[in-house]
């Protein structure tokens, strides 16, 4: 497929190389977008949990938010006076229930629509 799309680009003179490179970049981006769509469809059909209705997910996420809240915790590995380590902050928020956004596209959309409590 890649050879069929990119191999058909004409090989021209030196002045045309910039145009050819731009065309190739457009083709590569189209292939990346197609791959992302294919992976999203695969992920959505692979797991029964990704096929739950958004309304059910929203209810589940509201319970999850209540029992798994984000927390401000101390990062023991950071010296607050040493800016060379991370951002120098000795505290950070845990991801907690926000990790559901990494499961699939639908879960990310439903999670994003949830009000933060």
Protein backbone atom coordinates (compact mmCIF):
# COMPACT_ATOMS: atom_id res chain seq x y z
CA UNK A 1 0.00 0.00 0.00
CA UNK A 2 2.76 2.45 0.94
CA UNK A 3 4.75 1.61 -2.19
CA UNK A 4 1.63 2.05 -4.32
CA UNK A 5 0.92 5.50 -2.89
CA UNK A 6 4.44 6.90 -2.58
CA UNK A 7 6.02 4.99 -5.47
CA UNK A 8 3.71 6.71 -7.93
CA UNK A 9 5.10 10.17 -7.14
CA UNK A 10 7.06 11.50 -10.14
CA UNK A 11 10.83 11.83 -9.86
CA UNK A 12 11.64 15.25 -11.27
CA UNK A 13 14.36 17.85 -11.42
CA UNK A 14 16.10 19.41 -8.41
CA UNK A 15 13.58 22.26 -8.19
CA UNK A 16 10.73 19.80 -7.94
CA UNK A 17 12.21 17.95 -4.96
CA UNK A 18 10.70 20.36 -2.43
CA UNK A 19 7.28 19.88 -4.01
CA UNK A 20 7.77 16.11 -4.06
CA UNK A 21 8.81 16.13 -0.43
CA UNK A 22 5.68 18.08 0.46
CA UNK A 23 3.52 15.62 -1.48
CA UNK A 24 5.24 12.73 0.27
CA UNK A 25 4.61 14.37 3.67
CA UNK A 26 0.93 14.76 2.79
CA UNK A 27 0.78 11.07 1.83
CA UNK A 28 2.56 10.03 5.04
CA UNK A 29 0.11 12.10 7.10
CA UNK A 30 -2.84 10.48 5.29
CA UNK A 31 -1.40 7.05 6.06
CA UNK A 32 -0.92 7.99 9.74
CA UNK A 33 -4.50 9.23 9.96
CA UNK A 34 -5.77 6.04 8.33
CA UNK A 35 -3.76 3.93 10.75
CA UNK A 36 -5.09 5.91 13.73
CA UNK A 37 -8.67 5.37 12.53
CA UNK A 38 -8.03 1.64 11.99
CA UNK A 39 -6.52 1.26 15.47
CA UNK A 40 -9.41 3.16 17.02
CA UNK A 41 -11.94 0.89 15.31
CA UNK A 42 -10.00 -2.20 16.37
CA UNK A 43 -9.85 -1.02 19.97
CA UNK A 44 -13.53 -0.13 20.02
CA UNK A 45 -14.56 -3.59 18.86
CA UNK A 46 -11.95 -5.60 20.77
CA UNK A 47 -13.23 -4.91 24.27
CA UNK A 48 -16.84 -5.29 25.42
CA UNK A 49 -16.19 -2.50 27.94
CA UNK A 50 -15.52 -0.08 25.09
CA UNK A 51 -18.97 -0.83 23.70
CA UNK A 52 -20.90 0.22 26.80
CA UNK A 53 -23.32 3.11 26.25
CA UNK A 54 -21.93 6.52 27.26
CA UNK A 55 -24.70 6.96 29.85
CA UNK A 56 -23.66 3.76 31.65
CA UNK A 57 -19.99 4.74 31.49
CA UNK A 58 -20.83 8.15 32.96
CA UNK A 59 -22.54 6.48 35.94
CA UNK A 60 -19.60 4.13 36.45
CA UNK A 61 -17.12 7.01 36.17
CA UNK A 62 -19.05 9.07 38.74
CA UNK A 63 -18.72 6.20 41.23
CA UNK A 64 -15.08 5.74 40.31
CA UNK A 65 -14.45 9.45 40.82
CA UNK A 66 -15.93 9.18 44.32
CA UNK A 67 -13.86 6.16 45.39
CA UNK A 68 -10.61 6.98 43.54
CA UNK A 69 -10.08 10.76 43.81
CA UNK A 70 -6.96 12.58 42.75
CA UNK A 71 -4.67 13.35 45.65
CA UNK A 72 -1.86 15.76 46.29
CA UNK A 73 1.12 13.66 47.34
CA UNK A 74 4.69 14.39 48.25
CA UNK A 75 7.33 13.24 45.78
CA UNK A 76 10.03 11.90 48.06
CA UNK A 77 12.55 11.82 45.20
CA UNK A 78 12.49 15.58 44.62
CA UNK A 79 14.57 18.07 46.55
CA UNK A 80 12.47 21.27 46.47
CA UNK A 81 15.63 23.41 46.25
CA UNK A 82 17.07 21.46 43.29
CA UNK A 83 15.53 22.67 40.02
CA UNK A 84 17.53 20.17 37.98
CA UNK A 85 15.18 17.37 39.02
CA UNK A 86 11.85 17.52 37.16
CA UNK A 87 10.12 20.81 37.77
CA UNK A 88 11.52 21.07 41.30
CA UNK A 89 8.10 20.68 42.87
CA UNK A 90 7.97 18.34 45.88
CA UNK A 91 4.25 17.63 45.36
CA UNK A 92 2.16 16.30 42.49
CA UNK A 93 -1.40 15.18 41.84
CA UNK A 94 -2.05 11.49 41.27
CA UNK A 95 -3.90 10.59 38.10
CA UNK A 96 -6.35 8.36 39.97
CA UNK A 97 -9.65 8.01 38.14
CA UNK A 98 -8.35 10.10 35.22
CA UNK A 99 -6.58 6.96 33.97
CA UNK A 100 -9.87 5.83 32.41
CA UNK A 101 -9.16 8.34 29.65
CA UNK A 102 -6.37 6.04 28.43
CA UNK A 103 -8.61 3.03 27.75
CA UNK A 104 -10.27 4.01 24.47
CA UNK A 105 -11.61 6.99 22.54
CA UNK A 106 -15.16 6.61 23.86
CA UNK A 107 -13.97 6.47 27.48
CA UNK A 108 -11.83 9.58 26.91
CA UNK A 109 -14.85 11.47 25.54
CA UNK A 110 -17.13 10.37 28.38
CA UNK A 111 -14.48 11.16 31.01
CA UNK A 112 -13.92 14.61 29.48
CA UNK A 113 -17.64 15.33 29.77
CA UNK A 114 -17.68 14.40 33.48
CA UNK A 115 -17.82 17.33 35.89
CA UNK A 116 -14.91 17.42 38.29
CA UNK A 117 -15.96 17.10 41.92
